[in-house]
Amino acid sequence: MIETVKIATLNTEDNDFWTRLDKMLAWDGVSDEAVLTTVTNILHAVKESGDQAIVEYTNRFDQTDVETMSELEVSPERLQTAFDSLNEEQRGALEKAAHRIQAYAEHQKMESWSYTEADGTVLGQQVTPLDRVGLYVPGGKAAYPSSVLMNAIPAKVAGVPELIMVVPTPAGEVNELVFAAAKIAGVDRVFAIGGAQAVAALAYGTDTVPQVDKVVGPGNIYVATAKRMVYGTVGIDMIAGPSEILIICDGKTDPDWIAMDLFSQAEHDEDAQSILLSPDADFLVKVSDSINRLIKEMPRADIIRQSLDVRGALIQTADMDDAIKIANYIAPEHLELSVDNAEEMAKKIRHAGAIFMGRYTAEALGDYCAGPNHVLPTSRTARFSSPLGVYDFQKRSSLIGCSAEGASELGKTASILAHGEGLTAHARSAEFRIK
């Protein structure tokens, strides 16, 4: 007998609703003591011993047998071979996805600007790309060529001159699509290394791996912990938690569609979260029935079942406004608005990583080829952060150029404020330029 999915059912009018919701949303992404100790030791070893430490850790953790870092660098010819090995369908899908991601990214580019005041003082902002970026890509069987495109293409659109990719190849396991995606996206150098040691190599640099300015890309708890610990030496994109989807539906969408959309996140891993909001109680029952029928067809049924049992929910709301209120509180990574007036409803959403508008817009399209980035804030961080984009690979410098007249006038104001703060040298520096 097939085990029934025990997905939680909640009602916003229940007295304990908010308590239950908060408990369900809670996610402890903090590394335990053992992970912290391991990562600390790895970072220290790489910082001190460079290439030698990378080789030793790679042999230990990835079951390789190499003697030098040169053996771990993937040549451009190898990337080309991977690209050439793709069948026409695979190549076409990757190239189409890359084109759409680039077209969207082009709209995100920030430009420099300036203006001149009446006295000739020039003020503005100069935008420049980062010099070098490191891209971490999970390797082996759980490899994601889409992540290569989503992380690399915006960096290239931003104008980053050099992109260094690290991807583990445990026991020699290589995903040809990942190498091909690196070729398509214009990645400059690729190293077959992973884990905290790869993050350390990018952050500190070695004789072979150049130091980068920012590390982006997903990874396991050791990678996430390493990224957190090297922040400040380099920039990072974000510390991502488990994947999430929140769906608001008015009850008019095929319940099979909604069930499969919930599965699309639940199949990532057991900690993923899938939640449905609807004011239609009968529809929630239909979706529950679809879940239990369709899960029998899923190759990753065990993962989906555990995800839905532990962190999934079907929530009945008082009405659609109530659903919007809950959605803004949850601040989901992915939000599907499976309703008639999706574009209007989207205007009421304040917190979400990506908003998928309408019944035909499956979240899965955003994962691969819609165009917007699939690297999104999780664990309610959409309240204060945004999707990865071109702007994450550009930085801004303020421009200030005073004319003699402007320096004299501003100097009077600066002098008063500096004296008020007890900073005499500041005041005198400004006063020297007062006419």
Protein backbone atom coordinates (compact mmCIF):
# COMPACT_ATOMS: atom_id res chain seq x y z
CA MET A 1 0.00 0.00 0.00
CA ILE A 2 1.33 3.44 -1.01
CA GLU A 3 1.88 5.73 1.97
CA THR A 4 -0.37 8.80 2.04
CA VAL A 5 1.31 12.21 2.05
CA LYS A 6 0.66 13.81 5.44
CA ILE A 7 0.88 17.45 4.33
CA ALA A 8 -0.30 19.87 7.01
CA THR A 9 -3.63 21.68 6.60
CA LEU A 10 -4.00 25.09 8.22
CA ASN A 11 -6.69 27.77 8.37
CA THR A 12 -5.83 31.41 8.91
CA GLU A 13 -8.84 31.76 11.21
CA ASP A 14 -7.53 29.14 13.65
CA ASN A 15 -6.34 30.57 16.98
CA ASP A 16 -2.95 28.91 16.68
CA PHE A 17 -2.43 29.68 12.98
CA TRP A 18 0.45 32.16 13.34
CA THR A 19 2.25 29.98 15.87
CA ARG A 20 2.01 26.97 13.58
CA LEU A 21 3.07 29.01 10.54
CA ASP A 22 6.13 30.45 12.27
CA LYS A 23 7.17 26.99 13.43
CA MET A 24 6.79 25.69 9.89
CA LEU A 25 8.79 28.55 8.36
CA ALA A 26 11.62 28.33 10.89
CA TRP A 27 14.83 27.14 9.34
CA ASP A 28 18.07 26.75 11.25
CA GLY A 29 20.81 27.10 8.70
CA VAL A 30 23.53 27.54 11.32
CA SER A 31 26.44 25.15 11.01
CA ASP A 32 27.09 22.83 13.92
CA GLU A 33 30.36 22.78 15.83
CA ALA A 34 31.82 19.94 13.78
CA VAL A 35 31.19 21.72 10.48
CA LEU A 36 32.60 25.00 11.80
CA THR A 37 35.74 23.26 13.03
CA THR A 38 36.27 21.40 9.76
CA VAL A 39 35.78 24.51 7.63
CA THR A 40 38.00 26.63 9.87
CA ASN A 41 40.81 24.09 9.53
CA ILE A 42 40.40 23.89 5.75
CA LEU A 43 40.43 27.66 5.32
CA HIS A 44 43.57 27.97 7.45
CA ALA A 45 45.35 25.18 5.57
CA VAL A 46 44.58 26.67 2.16
CA LYS A 47 45.61 30.12 3.30
CA GLU A 48 48.92 28.77 4.57
CA SER A 49 49.73 26.04 2.03
CA GLY A 50 47.82 27.03 -1.09
CA ASP A 51 47.97 24.56 -3.95
CA GLN A 52 49.38 21.78 -1.78
CA ALA A 53 46.38 21.93 0.56
CA ILE A 54 43.94 22.03 -2.36
CA VAL A 55 45.48 18.90 -3.88
CA GLU A 56 45.43 17.05 -0.55
CA TYR A 57 41.81 17.92 0.24
CA THR A 58 40.66 17.11 -3.28
CA ASN A 59 42.30 13.69 -3.15
CA ARG A 60 40.76 13.05 0.28
CA PHE A 61 37.22 14.29 -0.28
CA ASP A 62 36.71 13.69 -4.01
CA GLN A 63 38.50 10.32 -4.31
CA THR A 64 40.98 11.64 -6.85
CA ASP A 65 44.66 10.82 -7.26
CA VAL A 66 46.48 13.91 -8.49
CA GLU A 67 49.86 15.37 -7.58
CA THR A 68 49.68 18.93 -8.86
CA MET A 69 47.11 21.68 -9.34
CA SER A 70 47.76 21.68 -13.07
CA GLU A 71 45.99 18.32 -13.21
CA LEU A 72 42.89 19.93 -11.70
CA GLU A 73 42.56 22.74 -14.21
CA VAL A 74 40.06 22.01 -16.97
CA SER A 75 41.36 23.19 -20.32
CA PRO A 76 39.35 25.30 -22.80
CA GLU A 77 39.69 22.39 -25.21
CA ARG A 78 37.95 20.11 -22.71
CA LEU A 79 35.07 22.60 -22.43
CA GLN A 80 34.82 22.70 -26.20
CA THR A 81 34.77 18.90 -26.34
CA ALA A 82 31.88 18.87 -23.87
CA PHE A 83 30.00 21.40 -25.97
CA ASP A 84 30.65 19.42 -29.17
CA SER A 85 29.42 16.22 -27.50
CA LEU A 86 25.93 17.60 -26.89
CA ASN A 87 23.15 16.45 -29.11
CA GLU A 88 21.27 19.07 -31.10
CA GLU A 89 18.39 19.20 -28.62
CA GLN A 90 20.63 19.78 -25.59
CA ARG A 91 22.76 22.36 -27.38
CA GLY A 92 19.69 24.22 -28.57
CA ALA A 93 18.15 24.28 -25.09
CA LEU A 94 21.31 25.60 -23.45
CA GLU A 95 21.84 28.24 -26.12
CA LYS A 96 18.23 29.40 -26.00
CA ALA A 97 18.34 29.65 -22.20
CA ALA A 98 21.64 31.55 -22.38
CA HIS A 99 20.23 33.97 -24.93
CA ARG A 100 17.16 34.71 -22.82
CA ILE A 101 19.21 35.14 -19.62
CA GLN A 102 21.54 37.55 -21.40
CA ALA A 103 18.70 39.54 -22.96
CA TYR A 104 17.11 40.02 -19.55
CA ALA A 105 20.45 40.84 -17.91
CA GLU A 106 21.16 43.57 -20.48
CA HIS A 107 18.22 45.52 -19.04
CA GLN A 108 19.81 45.49 -15.58
CA LYS A 109 23.07 47.26 -16.40
CA MET A 110 23.69 50.35 -14.31
CA GLU A 111 25.27 53.31 -16.08
CA SER A 112 27.47 56.09 -14.74
CA TRP A 113 25.93 59.53 -14.36
CA SER A 114 26.84 63.03 -13.23
CA TYR A 115 25.48 66.56 -13.05
CA THR A 116 27.04 70.02 -12.71
CA GLU A 117 25.79 72.56 -10.20
CA ALA A 118 25.53 76.26 -10.93
CA ASP A 119 28.92 77.05 -9.36
CA GLY A 120 30.66 74.39 -11.45
CA THR A 121 30.77 71.63 -8.83
CA VAL A 122 30.42 68.19 -10.41
CA LEU A 123 28.64 65.37 -8.59
CA GLY A 124 27.91 61.91 -9.88
CA GLN A 125 28.32 58.18 -9.75
CA GLN A 126 30.83 56.03 -11.62
CA VAL A 127 29.88 52.41 -12.24
CA THR A 128 32.58 49.81 -12.80
CA PRO A 129 32.56 45.99 -12.95
CA LEU A 130 34.35 43.77 -10.47
CA ASP A 131 37.78 42.67 -11.70
CA ARG A 132 37.42 38.94 -11.08
CA VAL A 133 34.58 36.72 -9.85
CA GLY A 134 34.57 33.12 -8.61
CA LEU A 135 31.66 30.83 -9.45
CA TYR A 136 31.01 27.75 -7.33
CA VAL A 137 29.06 25.02 -9.12
CA PRO A 138 27.95 21.76 -7.45
CA GLY A 139 29.43 18.76 -9.24
CA GLY A 140 29.06 15.04 -9.75
CA LYS A 141 25.60 13.62 -10.35
CA ALA A 142 23.82 16.57 -8.68
CA ALA A 143 25.07 19.07 -11.23
CA TYR A 144 23.18 22.08 -12.51
CA PRO A 145 24.20 23.60 -15.85
CA SER A 146 21.41 26.15 -15.40
CA SER A 147 23.27 27.52 -12.36
CA VAL A 148 26.35 28.07 -14.51
CA LEU A 149 24.35 30.19 -16.93
CA MET A 150 22.47 32.08 -14.21
CA ASN A 151 25.66 33.02 -12.34
CA ALA A 152 28.10 33.53 -15.20
CA ILE A 153 26.08 35.42 -17.78
CA PRO A 154 25.10 38.40 -15.58
CA ALA A 155 28.75 38.73 -14.55
CA LYS A 156 29.83 38.86 -18.18
CA VAL A 157 27.07 41.35 -19.05
CA ALA A 158 28.31 43.50 -16.17
CA GLY A 159 31.72 43.54 -17.82
CA VAL A 160 33.67 41.33 -15.42
CA PRO A 161 36.94 40.61 -17.28
CA GLU A 162 37.69 37.24 -15.66
CA LEU A 163 35.37 34.55 -14.33
CA ILE A 164 36.86 31.57 -12.48
CA MET A 165 34.66 28.50 -12.04
CA VAL A 166 35.22 25.71 -9.52
CA VAL A 167 33.28 22.46 -9.80
CA PRO A 168 34.07 19.19 -7.99
CA THR A 169 34.32 15.98 -10.00
CA PRO A 170 34.02 13.32 -7.28
CA ALA A 171 35.53 10.02 -8.35
CA GLY A 172 35.94 11.52 -11.81
CA GLU A 173 32.19 12.09 -12.21
CA VAL A 174 31.79 14.85 -14.80
CA ASN A 175 28.58 16.44 -16.03
CA GLU A 176 29.18 17.34 -19.67
CA LEU A 177 26.30 19.83 -19.63
CA VAL A 178 28.05 21.81 -16.88
CA PHE A 179 31.27 22.04 -18.90
CA ALA A 180 29.29 22.94 -22.01
CA ALA A 181 27.39 25.64 -20.12
CA ALA A 182 30.71 27.10 -18.97
CA LYS A 183 31.81 27.27 -22.60
CA ILE A 184 28.57 28.95 -23.68
CA ALA A 185 28.64 31.45 -20.81
CA GLY A 186 32.21 32.53 -21.48
CA VAL A 187 33.81 31.26 -18.26
CA ASP A 188 37.54 32.01 -18.46
CA ARG A 189 39.10 29.30 -16.26
CA VAL A 190 37.69 26.14 -14.67
CA PHE A 191 39.13 24.07 -11.83
CA ALA A 192 37.87 20.60 -10.85
CA ILE A 193 37.81 21.35 -7.13
CA GLY A 194 34.97 21.73 -4.66
CA GLY A 195 33.97 22.06 -1.03
CA ALA A 196 35.28 24.59 1.48
CA GLN A 197 38.75 24.23 -0.04
CA ALA A 198 37.51 25.59 -3.37
CA VAL A 199 35.93 28.60 -1.66
CA ALA A 200 39.20 29.17 0.21
CA ALA A 201 41.20 29.02 -3.02
CA LEU A 202 38.97 31.65 -4.60
CA ALA A 203 38.96 33.87 -1.52
CA TYR A 204 42.67 33.79 -0.70
CA GLY A 205 44.21 32.82 -4.02
CA THR A 206 46.97 30.24 -4.55
CA ASP A 207 49.90 29.99 -6.95
CA THR A 208 47.48 28.51 -9.49
CA VAL A 209 44.01 29.79 -8.59
CA PRO A 210 43.76 33.59 -8.78
CA GLN A 211 42.14 35.46 -5.92
CA VAL A 212 38.69 36.79 -6.79
CA ASP A 213 36.69 39.76 -5.55
CA LYS A 214 33.40 37.92 -5.06
CA VAL A 215 32.27 34.30 -4.74
CA VAL A 216 28.83 33.32 -6.03
CA GLY A 217 26.97 30.07 -6.49
CA PRO A 218 25.24 27.39 -4.40
CA GLY A 219 26.77 24.57 -2.40
CA ASN A 220 26.35 22.26 0.58
CA ILE A 221 26.65 23.22 4.26
CA TYR A 222 30.47 23.21 4.08
CA VAL A 223 30.45 25.54 1.08
CA ALA A 224 27.86 27.83 2.67
CA THR A 225 29.82 27.95 5.91
CA ALA A 226 33.04 28.72 4.07
CA LYS A 227 31.36 31.53 2.14
CA ARG A 228 30.08 33.01 5.38
CA MET A 229 33.54 32.84 6.95
CA VAL A 230 35.47 34.41 4.05
CA TYR A 231 33.00 37.28 3.68
CA GLY A 232 34.97 40.49 4.16
CA THR A 233 38.02 39.08 2.44
CA VAL A 234 35.78 38.70 -0.60
CA GLY A 235 32.16 39.49 -1.30
CA ILE A 236 29.53 36.77 -1.55
CA ASP A 237 26.14 36.61 -3.20
CA MET A 238 24.04 35.18 -0.35
CA ILE A 239 23.74 32.28 2.06
CA ALA A 240 20.87 30.32 0.58
CA GLY A 241 18.60 27.99 2.50
CA PRO A 242 16.38 25.21 1.11
CA SER A 243 14.29 25.92 -1.99
CA GLU A 244 10.76 27.26 -1.48
CA ILE A 245 7.55 27.75 -3.42
CA LEU A 246 4.39 29.53 -2.30
CA ILE A 247 1.32 29.34 -4.53
CA ILE A 248 -1.78 31.53 -4.29
CA CYS A 249 -4.67 30.00 -6.21
CA ASP A 250 -8.31 31.06 -6.50
CA GLY A 251 -9.42 27.47 -7.04
CA LYS A 252 -9.84 27.71 -10.81
CA THR A 253 -6.56 26.09 -11.87
CA ASP A 254 -6.31 22.37 -12.61
CA PRO A 255 -5.40 20.83 -9.21
CA ASP A 256 -2.95 18.48 -10.95
CA TRP A 257 -1.00 21.52 -12.16
CA ILE A 258 -0.79 22.94 -8.66
CA ALA A 259 0.21 19.60 -7.14
CA MET A 260 3.04 19.22 -9.66
CA ASP A 261 4.17 22.80 -9.03
CA LEU A 262 4.40 21.96 -5.33
CA PHE A 263 6.40 18.83 -6.24
CA SER A 264 8.78 20.91 -8.36
CA GLN A 265 10.35 22.37 -5.23
CA ALA A 266 9.78 19.44 -2.90
CA GLU A 267 11.87 17.17 -5.13
CA HIS A 268 14.99 19.33 -4.56
CA ASP A 269 15.56 17.89 -1.10
CA GLU A 270 13.79 16.89 2.09
CA ASP A 271 14.17 20.39 3.56
CA ALA A 272 12.51 22.18 0.65
CA GLN A 273 9.22 23.93 1.38
CA SER A 274 6.01 23.93 -0.67
CA ILE A 275 2.94 25.88 0.48
CA LEU A 276 -0.44 26.52 -1.15
CA LEU A 277 -2.80 29.35 -0.13
CA SER A 278 -6.43 29.35 -1.27
CA PRO A 279 -9.77 30.56 0.11
CA ASP A 280 -11.44 27.56 -1.56
CA ALA A 281 -11.58 24.65 0.91
CA ASP A 282 -12.87 22.21 -1.71
CA PHE A 283 -9.98 23.09 -4.00
CA LEU A 284 -7.46 22.34 -1.25
CA VAL A 285 -8.99 18.88 -0.91
CA LYS A 286 -8.72 18.36 -4.67
CA VAL A 287 -5.05 19.36 -4.62
CA SER A 288 -4.44 16.96 -1.74
CA ASP A 289 -6.04 14.19 -3.79
CA SER A 290 -3.86 15.10 -6.77
CA ILE A 291 -0.76 15.02 -4.59
CA ASN A 292 -1.47 11.50 -3.40
CA ARG A 293 -2.30 10.27 -6.90
CA LEU A 294 0.58 11.94 -8.80
CA ILE A 295 3.32 11.18 -6.28
CA LYS A 296 3.17 7.55 -7.38
CA GLU A 297 4.65 8.64 -10.73
CA MET A 298 7.57 10.57 -9.25
CA PRO A 299 11.09 9.06 -9.35
CA ARG A 300 11.96 11.19 -6.29
CA ALA A 301 8.76 10.29 -4.46
CA ASP A 302 10.49 9.59 -1.14
CA ILE A 303 12.15 13.02 -1.11
CA ILE A 304 8.90 14.75 -2.13
CA ARG A 305 6.91 12.92 0.53
CA GLN A 306 9.30 13.83 3.33
CA SER A 307 9.47 17.46 2.20
CA LEU A 308 5.69 17.80 2.11
CA ASP A 309 5.17 15.86 5.34
CA VAL A 310 7.62 17.98 7.34
CA ARG A 311 7.57 21.44 5.76
CA GLY A 312 4.64 21.53 3.33
CA ALA A 313 1.20 23.06 3.96
CA LEU A 314 -2.20 23.60 2.41
CA ILE A 315 -3.59 26.79 3.94
CA GLN A 316 -7.17 27.99 3.72
CA THR A 317 -7.39 31.78 3.78
CA ALA A 318 -10.40 33.98 4.50
CA ASP A 319 -10.16 35.56 1.04
CA MET A 320 -7.57 36.60 -1.55
CA ASP A 321 -6.54 39.70 0.43
CA ASP A 322 -5.83 37.40 3.36
CA ALA A 323 -3.70 35.25 1.05
CA ILE A 324 -1.70 38.29 -0.04
CA LYS A 325 -1.13 39.25 3.60
CA ILE A 326 0.23 35.78 4.37
CA ALA A 327 2.39 35.79 1.24
CA ASN A 328 4.01 39.09 2.20
CA TYR A 329 4.72 37.70 5.66
CA ILE A 330 6.30 34.51 4.29
CA ALA A 331 8.37 36.47 1.73
CA PRO A 332 8.93 33.36 -0.41
CA GLU A 333 11.74 32.57 -2.80
CA HIS A 334 9.23 31.66 -5.54
CA LEU A 335 5.64 32.95 -5.59
CA GLU A 336 3.10 31.65 -8.09
CA LEU A 337 -0.04 33.74 -8.54
CA SER A 338 -2.35 31.19 -10.16
CA VAL A 339 -5.29 33.56 -10.48
CA ASP A 340 -7.20 35.53 -13.13
CA ASN A 341 -5.83 38.96 -12.20
CA ALA A 342 -2.22 37.98 -11.59
CA GLU A 343 -0.59 41.19 -12.83
CA GLU A 344 -2.83 43.31 -10.63
CA MET A 345 -2.26 41.04 -7.65
CA ALA A 346 1.52 41.21 -8.20
CA LYS A 347 1.39 44.95 -7.46
CA LYS A 348 0.30 44.10 -3.91
CA ILE A 349 3.25 41.78 -3.30
CA ARG A 350 6.04 43.52 -1.38
CA HIS A 351 8.28 40.57 -0.54
CA ALA A 352 9.15 37.75 -2.96
CA GLY A 353 12.25 36.60 -4.79
CA ALA A 354 10.43 35.98 -8.06
CA ILE A 355 6.74 36.34 -8.92
CA PHE A 356 5.20 33.99 -11.50
CA MET A 357 2.03 35.55 -12.85
CA GLY A 358 -0.88 33.52 -14.19
CA ARG A 359 -1.95 29.90 -14.42
CA TYR A 360 0.41 29.08 -17.29
CA THR A 361 3.57 30.39 -15.63
CA ALA A 362 5.11 27.39 -13.90
CA GLU A 363 7.98 28.18 -11.54
CA ALA A 364 10.08 25.60 -13.40
CA LEU A 365 10.26 27.95 -16.39
CA GLY A 366 12.08 30.46 -14.22
CA ASP A 367 14.56 27.82 -13.11
CA TYR A 368 15.79 27.29 -16.63
CA CYS A 369 14.92 29.63 -19.42
CA ALA A 370 12.41 32.44 -18.76
CA GLY A 371 15.25 34.95 -18.43
CA PRO A 372 15.24 36.36 -14.86
CA ASN A 373 17.79 34.88 -12.51
CA HIS A 374 16.97 31.77 -10.50
CA VAL A 375 19.42 32.66 -7.73
CA LEU A 376 16.90 34.05 -5.24
CA PRO A 377 16.64 34.96 -1.56
CA THR A 378 15.28 32.19 0.69
CA SER A 379 14.17 31.79 4.31
CA ARG A 380 12.21 35.08 4.36
CA THR A 381 15.27 37.11 3.30
CA ALA A 382 13.26 38.47 0.35
CA ARG A 383 12.10 41.03 2.94
CA PHE A 384 15.44 42.79 2.48
CA SER A 385 17.30 41.23 -0.46
CA SER A 386 16.89 40.65 -4.17
CA PRO A 387 17.62 38.14 -6.93
CA LEU A 388 21.16 37.84 -8.25
CA GLY A 389 21.65 40.20 -11.17
CA VAL A 390 24.08 42.30 -13.15
CA TYR A 391 24.12 44.87 -10.34
CA ASP A 392 25.76 42.27 -8.07
CA PHE A 393 28.81 42.33 -10.34
CA GLN A 394 29.04 46.11 -10.60
CA LYS A 395 30.10 48.59 -7.97
CA ARG A 396 29.53 52.32 -7.60
CA SER A 397 31.99 55.08 -6.82
CA SER A 398 30.79 58.54 -5.86
CA LEU A 399 32.16 61.45 -7.92
CA ILE A 400 32.79 64.84 -6.30
CA GLY A 401 34.61 67.65 -8.10
CA CYS A 402 34.42 71.12 -6.49
CA SER A 403 35.02 74.36 -8.28
CA ALA A 404 36.82 77.09 -6.32
CA GLU A 405 33.50 78.78 -5.65
CA GLY A 406 31.85 75.49 -4.62
CA ALA A 407 34.76 74.56 -2.32
CA SER A 408 34.49 77.91 -0.58
CA GLU A 409 30.77 77.68 0.01
CA LEU A 410 30.75 74.01 1.04
CA GLY A 411 33.82 74.59 3.20
CA LYS A 412 31.86 76.97 5.46
CA THR A 413 29.22 74.32 6.11
CA ALA A 414 31.79 71.55 6.56
CA SER A 415 33.80 73.69 8.98
CA ILE A 416 30.83 74.29 11.27
CA LEU A 417 29.91 70.61 11.33
CA ALA A 418 33.51 69.44 11.82
CA HIS A 419 34.07 71.78 14.76
CA GLY A 420 30.81 70.50 16.20
CA GLU A 421 32.24 66.99 16.10
CA GLY A 422 35.54 68.07 17.59
CA LEU A 423 37.50 67.23 14.44
CA THR A 424 39.74 70.24 14.02
CA ALA A 425 41.84 68.93 11.13
CA HIS A 426 38.66 68.26 9.16
CA ALA A 427 37.56 71.83 9.75
CA ARG A 428 40.96 73.37 8.88
CA SER A 429 41.19 71.26 5.71
CA ALA A 430 37.90 72.74 4.54
CA GLU A 431 38.73 76.27 5.77
CA PHE A 432 41.98 76.46 3.76
CA ARG A 433 39.82 76.52 0.63
CA ILE A 434 37.40 79.24 1.77
CA LYS A 435 37.88 82.45 -0.18
